[in-house]
Amino acid sequence: MPESRSSSGTMNRRSFLRKSAYAATGMAAIAASLAPLRDYDDDISLDDFLRKHYKEIEPEEMEVMLAKITQEVEHEYGVRPHVRDLKPMAGVEFVTALNLTRCIGCRKCVHACVAENNQSRNPEIQYIRVLEMPNGTFDVEQSSHDYDPETVPREGFYYMPVQCQQCRQPPCVKVCPVEATWQDADGITVIDYDWCIGCRYCEAACPYWARRFNFSKPSLSAEDINPDMAYLGNRPRPRGVVEKCHSCIQRTRAGRYPACLEACPTGARKFGNILDPNSEVSQILRDKRVFVLKEEHGTRPRFFYYFDV
């Protein structure tokens, strides 16, 4: 990322903030003026205000930042986390395949995701929305996501979990004015929470209702905290930023399955490397009649649905 201007000739966020800060009465005053927008225990420091974009951070600087996150989490929750900066693995492109015949709408995937990814509990932020769909239609406008879970599965309906589709052409990335979100080499669209300005353009651009905005300080207790964290993944997020499913990168980039898959009692979810022709997801895409949600938007999702037919 250029230091002063992007390739299009417009200033990037960091350069803009620097010039604005010098032009004002002082950088500290401008930083302090942003305090109501982001949830910091203390006043925003100059280092926080001018923190580098993730792609600019050198390994030595990242180690310092990981140590700071560790200290902040331990201070706030009394839990010492293990925070890593996990990079995409070479030769890997993750996709998800979901068997709608097997999904029973129990929402165990929803709650496993919340627990794994340190999402706010009250109000509870959920990355996965399970739709109760009438048989015979793919029209999500006819669905309901607030059905009574005690009645599932109901006759005459099937269930469609919807979350970030990890699109090959993600509209959320295109509209972000500060490059706070991007698509990594393994197909996962990530967010630099320290760079997000909370404009919510990405949330509006997503046709899958996949992004969530922290309107208030996330409600988490020490018992809620999952200490296995990733910098671009499930570390606690501040108020005033957007978050979403990131395919549990603290797990998947370390060779494990996403939490939602492991929690599914019927084995409806499959996750793996599409570049490996022998992977289960590759076989499903070859052998099943798969479809993607809202294909007309041209987002080219890496999230595929299919039935046992």
Protein backbone atom coordinates (compact mmCIF):
# COMPACT_ATOMS: atom_id res chain seq x y z
CA MET A 1 0.00 0.00 0.00
CA PRO A 2 1.48 3.40 -0.95
CA GLU A 3 2.50 5.75 1.79
CA SER A 4 0.90 8.87 0.36
CA ARG A 5 -1.46 8.10 -2.50
CA SER A 6 -3.10 5.04 -4.01
CA SER A 7 -2.68 4.03 -7.65
CA SER A 8 -5.88 5.90 -8.47
CA GLY A 9 -4.37 9.12 -7.15
CA THR A 10 -6.60 9.39 -4.08
CA MET A 11 -5.17 9.53 -0.57
CA ASN A 12 -5.33 6.40 1.49
CA ARG A 13 -6.70 6.55 5.02
CA ARG A 14 -3.36 6.68 6.77
CA SER A 15 -2.06 9.57 4.68
CA PHE A 16 -5.35 11.44 5.00
CA LEU A 17 -5.33 11.12 8.77
CA ARG A 18 -1.73 12.27 8.97
CA LYS A 19 -2.35 15.36 6.87
CA SER A 20 -5.55 16.12 8.74
CA ALA A 21 -3.80 15.74 12.04
CA TYR A 22 -0.99 18.11 11.12
CA ALA A 23 -3.49 20.65 9.85
CA ALA A 24 -5.47 20.65 13.09
CA THR A 25 -4.46 21.94 16.51
CA GLY A 26 -2.72 18.64 17.25
CA MET A 27 -2.84 14.94 16.51
CA ALA A 28 -3.74 14.02 20.06
CA ALA A 29 -6.81 16.24 19.97
CA ILE A 30 -8.05 14.63 16.76
CA ALA A 31 -7.39 11.17 18.12
CA ALA A 32 -9.31 11.98 21.28
CA SER A 33 -12.25 13.20 19.19
CA LEU A 34 -12.65 9.67 17.79
CA ALA A 35 -12.87 8.09 21.24
CA PRO A 36 -16.71 7.98 21.29
CA LEU A 37 -16.64 6.00 18.01
CA ARG A 38 -14.38 3.20 19.21
CA ASP A 39 -14.35 1.35 22.48
CA TYR A 40 -10.98 1.85 24.15
CA ASP A 41 -10.48 1.75 27.90
CA ASP A 42 -8.16 4.76 27.72
CA ASP A 43 -7.90 7.69 25.33
CA ILE A 44 -6.81 6.71 21.84
CA SER A 45 -3.07 6.95 21.61
CA LEU A 46 -1.29 8.43 18.64
CA ASP A 47 0.04 4.95 17.81
CA ASP A 48 -3.53 3.56 17.74
CA PHE A 49 -4.71 6.47 15.62
CA LEU A 50 -1.99 6.02 13.00
CA ARG A 51 -1.66 2.24 13.22
CA LYS A 52 -0.49 0.67 9.97
CA HIS A 53 -2.71 -1.32 7.69
CA TYR A 54 -2.29 -5.07 8.20
CA LYS A 55 -0.52 -5.49 4.86
CA GLU A 56 2.12 -2.93 5.88
CA ILE A 57 2.98 -4.42 9.26
CA GLU A 58 6.46 -5.97 9.51
CA PRO A 59 6.89 -9.25 11.45
CA GLU A 60 8.64 -7.51 14.33
CA GLU A 61 5.83 -4.96 14.57
CA MET A 62 3.22 -7.71 14.49
CA GLU A 63 4.86 -9.42 17.46
CA VAL A 64 4.53 -6.19 19.42
CA MET A 65 0.87 -5.87 18.43
CA LEU A 66 0.10 -9.47 19.38
CA ALA A 67 1.71 -8.90 22.76
CA LYS A 68 -0.42 -5.80 23.24
CA ILE A 69 -3.62 -7.67 22.36
CA THR A 70 -2.65 -10.42 24.80
CA GLN A 71 -2.13 -7.86 27.53
CA GLU A 72 -5.41 -6.07 26.79
CA VAL A 73 -7.47 -9.28 26.78
CA GLU A 74 -5.88 -10.47 30.02
CA HIS A 75 -6.53 -7.10 31.65
CA GLU A 76 -10.14 -6.90 30.43
CA TYR A 77 -11.27 -10.50 30.99
CA GLY A 78 -8.71 -12.12 33.28
CA VAL A 79 -7.96 -14.72 30.60
CA ARG A 80 -4.56 -15.03 28.96
CA PRO A 81 -5.11 -15.70 25.25
CA HIS A 82 -2.94 -17.34 22.64
CA VAL A 83 -3.02 -14.82 19.78
CA ARG A 84 -1.47 -15.66 16.41
CA ASP A 85 -1.11 -14.01 13.04
CA LEU A 86 -2.04 -16.91 10.79
CA LYS A 87 -1.29 -16.55 7.08
CA PRO A 88 -2.99 -18.43 4.20
CA MET A 89 -1.42 -21.80 3.38
CA ALA A 90 0.09 -22.25 -0.06
CA GLY A 91 -1.94 -24.27 -2.53
CA VAL A 92 -5.16 -23.94 -0.55
CA GLU A 93 -8.51 -22.41 -1.57
CA PHE A 94 -11.24 -23.11 0.96
CA VAL A 95 -14.85 -23.77 -0.01
CA THR A 96 -17.93 -24.89 1.91
CA ALA A 97 -20.57 -27.34 0.69
CA LEU A 98 -23.82 -27.65 2.64
CA ASN A 99 -26.24 -30.56 2.26
CA LEU A 100 -29.73 -29.07 2.63
CA THR A 101 -31.28 -32.53 2.82
CA ARG A 102 -29.44 -33.16 6.08
CA CYS A 103 -29.82 -29.74 7.73
CA ILE A 104 -32.57 -29.90 10.39
CA GLY A 105 -32.55 -26.23 11.42
CA CYS A 106 -31.34 -26.89 14.97
CA ARG A 107 -29.05 -23.82 14.94
CA LYS A 108 -26.24 -25.65 16.74
CA CYS A 109 -23.92 -24.22 14.10
CA VAL A 110 -25.05 -20.70 15.03
CA HIS A 111 -24.24 -21.07 18.70
CA ALA A 112 -20.98 -22.93 18.13
CA CYS A 113 -19.88 -20.04 15.93
CA VAL A 114 -20.74 -17.50 18.62
CA ALA A 115 -18.80 -19.42 21.27
CA GLU A 116 -15.77 -19.98 19.04
CA ASN A 117 -15.45 -16.46 17.71
CA ASN A 118 -15.87 -14.35 20.84
CA GLN A 119 -19.03 -12.67 19.62
CA SER A 120 -21.05 -10.37 21.85
CA ARG A 121 -23.56 -12.24 24.00
CA ASN A 122 -25.99 -9.47 24.98
CA PRO A 123 -26.96 -8.40 22.45
CA GLU A 124 -25.79 -11.61 20.78
CA ILE A 125 -24.08 -11.12 17.44
CA GLN A 126 -24.56 -14.11 15.15
CA TYR A 127 -22.65 -14.63 11.91
CA ILE A 128 -24.93 -17.47 10.74
CA ARG A 129 -28.62 -17.01 9.98
CA VAL A 130 -30.68 -20.18 9.45
CA LEU A 131 -33.65 -19.71 7.12
CA GLU A 132 -36.74 -21.90 7.28
CA MET A 133 -37.67 -22.33 3.61
CA PRO A 134 -40.96 -23.68 2.20
CA ASN A 135 -40.43 -26.81 0.15
CA GLY A 136 -40.32 -26.20 -3.59
CA THR A 137 -38.73 -22.74 -3.59
CA PHE A 138 -35.32 -21.09 -3.39
CA ASP A 139 -36.88 -17.65 -2.88
CA VAL A 140 -35.41 -16.40 0.39
CA GLU A 141 -38.12 -13.72 0.55
CA GLN A 142 -40.54 -16.51 1.49
CA SER A 143 -38.33 -17.71 4.34
CA SER A 144 -38.33 -17.06 8.09
CA HIS A 145 -35.29 -16.86 10.37
CA ASP A 146 -37.16 -16.42 13.67
CA TYR A 147 -38.93 -19.80 13.72
CA ASP A 148 -39.31 -21.70 17.00
CA PRO A 149 -36.32 -24.07 17.24
CA GLU A 150 -38.31 -26.54 19.36
CA THR A 151 -40.46 -27.45 16.38
CA VAL A 152 -37.71 -28.35 13.91
CA PRO A 153 -37.60 -29.95 11.50
CA ARG A 154 -41.13 -28.99 10.46
CA GLU A 155 -42.98 -30.87 7.75
CA GLY A 156 -43.18 -28.90 4.52
CA PHE A 157 -39.97 -26.95 5.10
CA TYR A 158 -36.23 -27.27 4.65
CA TYR A 159 -33.49 -25.24 6.32
CA MET A 160 -30.83 -23.07 4.71
CA PRO A 161 -27.99 -21.64 6.85
CA VAL A 162 -26.65 -18.39 5.36
CA GLN A 163 -23.39 -16.67 6.30
CA CYS A 164 -20.49 -15.02 4.51
CA GLN A 165 -20.29 -16.72 1.12
CA GLN A 166 -16.54 -15.94 0.74
CA CYS A 167 -17.23 -14.61 -2.76
CA ARG A 168 -14.65 -14.64 -5.54
CA GLN A 169 -15.94 -11.20 -6.52
CA PRO A 170 -16.94 -9.75 -3.14
CA PRO A 171 -18.94 -6.50 -3.40
CA CYS A 172 -18.04 -5.69 0.22
CA VAL A 173 -14.38 -5.37 -0.73
CA LYS A 174 -15.12 -3.10 -3.67
CA VAL A 175 -17.01 -0.51 -1.64
CA CYS A 176 -14.69 -0.22 1.38
CA PRO A 177 -13.22 3.30 1.19
CA VAL A 178 -10.18 2.51 3.36
CA GLU A 179 -9.25 -1.03 2.26
CA ALA A 180 -10.13 -2.44 5.66
CA THR A 181 -11.46 -5.64 4.09
CA TRP A 182 -9.95 -7.81 1.38
CA GLN A 183 -9.85 -11.35 -0.01
CA ASP A 184 -6.86 -13.46 1.00
CA ALA A 185 -5.13 -16.07 -1.16
CA ASP A 186 -7.03 -18.96 0.46
CA GLY A 187 -10.38 -17.43 -0.52
CA ILE A 188 -11.31 -16.03 2.90
CA THR A 189 -12.44 -12.41 3.02
CA VAL A 190 -10.98 -10.83 6.16
CA ILE A 191 -11.23 -7.54 8.04
CA ASP A 192 -8.52 -5.43 9.66
CA TYR A 193 -10.52 -4.32 12.72
CA ASP A 194 -8.01 -1.61 13.57
CA TRP A 195 -8.43 -0.09 10.13
CA CYS A 196 -12.24 -0.28 9.89
CA ILE A 197 -13.89 3.14 10.25
CA GLY A 198 -17.41 1.76 10.74
CA CYS A 199 -18.96 3.36 7.66
CA ARG A 200 -20.97 0.15 6.99
CA TYR A 201 -20.73 0.44 3.23
CA CYS A 202 -19.68 -3.22 3.14
CA GLU A 203 -22.73 -4.23 5.15
CA ALA A 204 -25.00 -2.46 2.69
CA ALA A 205 -23.22 -3.97 -0.33
CA CYS A 206 -23.45 -7.60 0.83
CA PRO A 207 -26.48 -9.36 -0.70
CA TYR A 208 -26.27 -12.17 1.89
CA TRP A 209 -26.82 -10.17 5.13
CA ALA A 210 -23.47 -11.54 6.25
CA ARG A 211 -21.88 -8.57 8.02
CA ARG A 212 -22.59 -7.31 11.53
CA PHE A 213 -21.88 -3.93 13.13
CA ASN A 214 -20.94 -3.46 16.77
CA PHE A 215 -23.24 -0.65 17.91
CA SER A 216 -22.19 -1.04 21.55
CA LYS A 217 -19.35 -2.50 23.56
CA PRO A 218 -19.38 -6.27 22.97
CA SER A 219 -20.79 -8.09 25.99
CA LEU A 220 -18.37 -10.86 26.99
CA SER A 221 -17.44 -12.43 30.32
CA ALA A 222 -14.32 -14.39 31.23
CA GLU A 223 -16.34 -17.60 30.83
CA ASP A 224 -17.29 -16.59 27.29
CA ILE A 225 -13.76 -16.02 26.04
CA ASN A 226 -12.16 -18.50 23.68
CA PRO A 227 -8.43 -17.90 24.30
CA ASP A 228 -7.31 -19.41 20.96
CA MET A 229 -7.30 -16.25 18.83
CA ALA A 230 -6.16 -14.94 15.46
CA TYR A 231 -5.33 -11.33 14.62
CA LEU A 232 -7.68 -11.27 11.62
CA GLY A 233 -10.10 -13.68 13.23
CA ASN A 234 -11.76 -13.99 16.60
CA ARG A 235 -9.85 -11.59 18.83
CA PRO A 236 -12.31 -9.31 20.69
CA ARG A 237 -13.50 -6.48 18.47
CA PRO A 238 -14.16 -2.93 19.67
CA ARG A 239 -17.39 -0.99 19.39
CA GLY A 240 -17.89 0.74 16.05
CA VAL A 241 -16.47 -1.87 13.65
CA VAL A 242 -17.91 -4.42 11.24
CA GLU A 243 -17.33 -8.15 11.70
CA LYS A 244 -18.42 -11.37 9.98
CA CYS A 245 -17.68 -15.05 9.40
CA HIS A 246 -14.01 -15.59 8.52
CA SER A 247 -14.23 -19.38 8.28
CA CYS A 248 -12.69 -19.68 11.76
CA ILE A 249 -9.19 -18.86 10.51
CA GLN A 250 -7.79 -19.50 13.98
CA ARG A 251 -8.80 -23.11 13.30
CA THR A 252 -8.79 -23.63 9.53
CA ARG A 253 -5.40 -22.01 8.89
CA ALA A 254 -4.05 -24.35 11.56
CA GLY A 255 -5.43 -27.47 9.88
CA ARG A 256 -8.73 -27.82 11.76
CA TYR A 257 -12.39 -27.63 10.70
CA PRO A 258 -14.64 -24.62 11.39
CA ALA A 259 -16.59 -24.75 14.65
CA CYS A 260 -19.94 -24.79 12.82
CA LEU A 261 -18.97 -27.97 10.96
CA GLU A 262 -17.88 -29.80 14.10
CA ALA A 263 -21.10 -28.82 15.91
CA CYS A 264 -23.47 -30.02 13.17
CA PRO A 265 -25.20 -33.19 14.45
CA THR A 266 -26.14 -34.45 10.97
CA GLY A 267 -22.91 -33.89 9.02
CA ALA A 268 -24.61 -31.39 6.70
CA ARG A 269 -21.53 -29.19 6.42
CA LYS A 270 -18.39 -29.96 4.41
CA PHE A 271 -15.30 -27.75 4.26
CA GLY A 272 -12.01 -28.18 2.47
CA ASN A 273 -9.53 -27.35 -0.24
CA ILE A 274 -11.04 -27.10 -3.73
CA LEU A 275 -7.54 -27.19 -5.24
CA ASP A 276 -7.13 -30.75 -4.00
CA PRO A 277 -9.03 -32.96 -6.49
CA ASN A 278 -9.28 -35.73 -3.89
CA SER A 279 -10.86 -33.56 -1.18
CA GLU A 280 -14.43 -34.23 -0.14
CA VAL A 281 -15.59 -30.80 -1.32
CA SER A 282 -14.03 -31.38 -4.75
CA GLN A 283 -15.88 -34.66 -5.05
CA ILE A 284 -19.17 -33.04 -4.04
CA LEU A 285 -18.79 -30.31 -6.64
CA ARG A 286 -18.09 -32.94 -9.30
CA ASP A 287 -20.83 -35.39 -8.36
CA LYS A 288 -23.69 -33.30 -6.96
CA ARG A 289 -26.02 -30.74 -8.52
CA VAL A 290 -24.79 -27.79 -6.51
CA PHE A 291 -26.08 -24.23 -6.61
CA VAL A 292 -25.11 -20.89 -5.11
CA LEU A 293 -27.32 -18.34 -3.42
CA LYS A 294 -28.32 -15.29 -5.45
CA GLU A 295 -26.29 -16.27 -8.50
CA GLU A 296 -27.73 -13.30 -10.39
CA HIS A 297 -25.55 -10.92 -8.35
CA GLY A 298 -22.39 -12.29 -9.97
CA THR A 299 -20.49 -12.56 -6.68
CA ARG A 300 -19.31 -16.12 -7.43
CA PRO A 301 -19.61 -17.57 -3.91
CA ARG A 302 -17.33 -20.26 -2.52
CA PHE A 303 -20.31 -21.50 -0.51
CA PHE A 304 -22.27 -24.23 -2.31
CA TYR A 305 -25.63 -25.83 -1.50
CA TYR A 306 -26.95 -29.21 -2.65
CA PHE A 307 -29.56 -31.89 -1.95
CA ASP A 308 -29.19 -35.67 -1.69
CA VAL A 309 -30.68 -36.29 -5.15
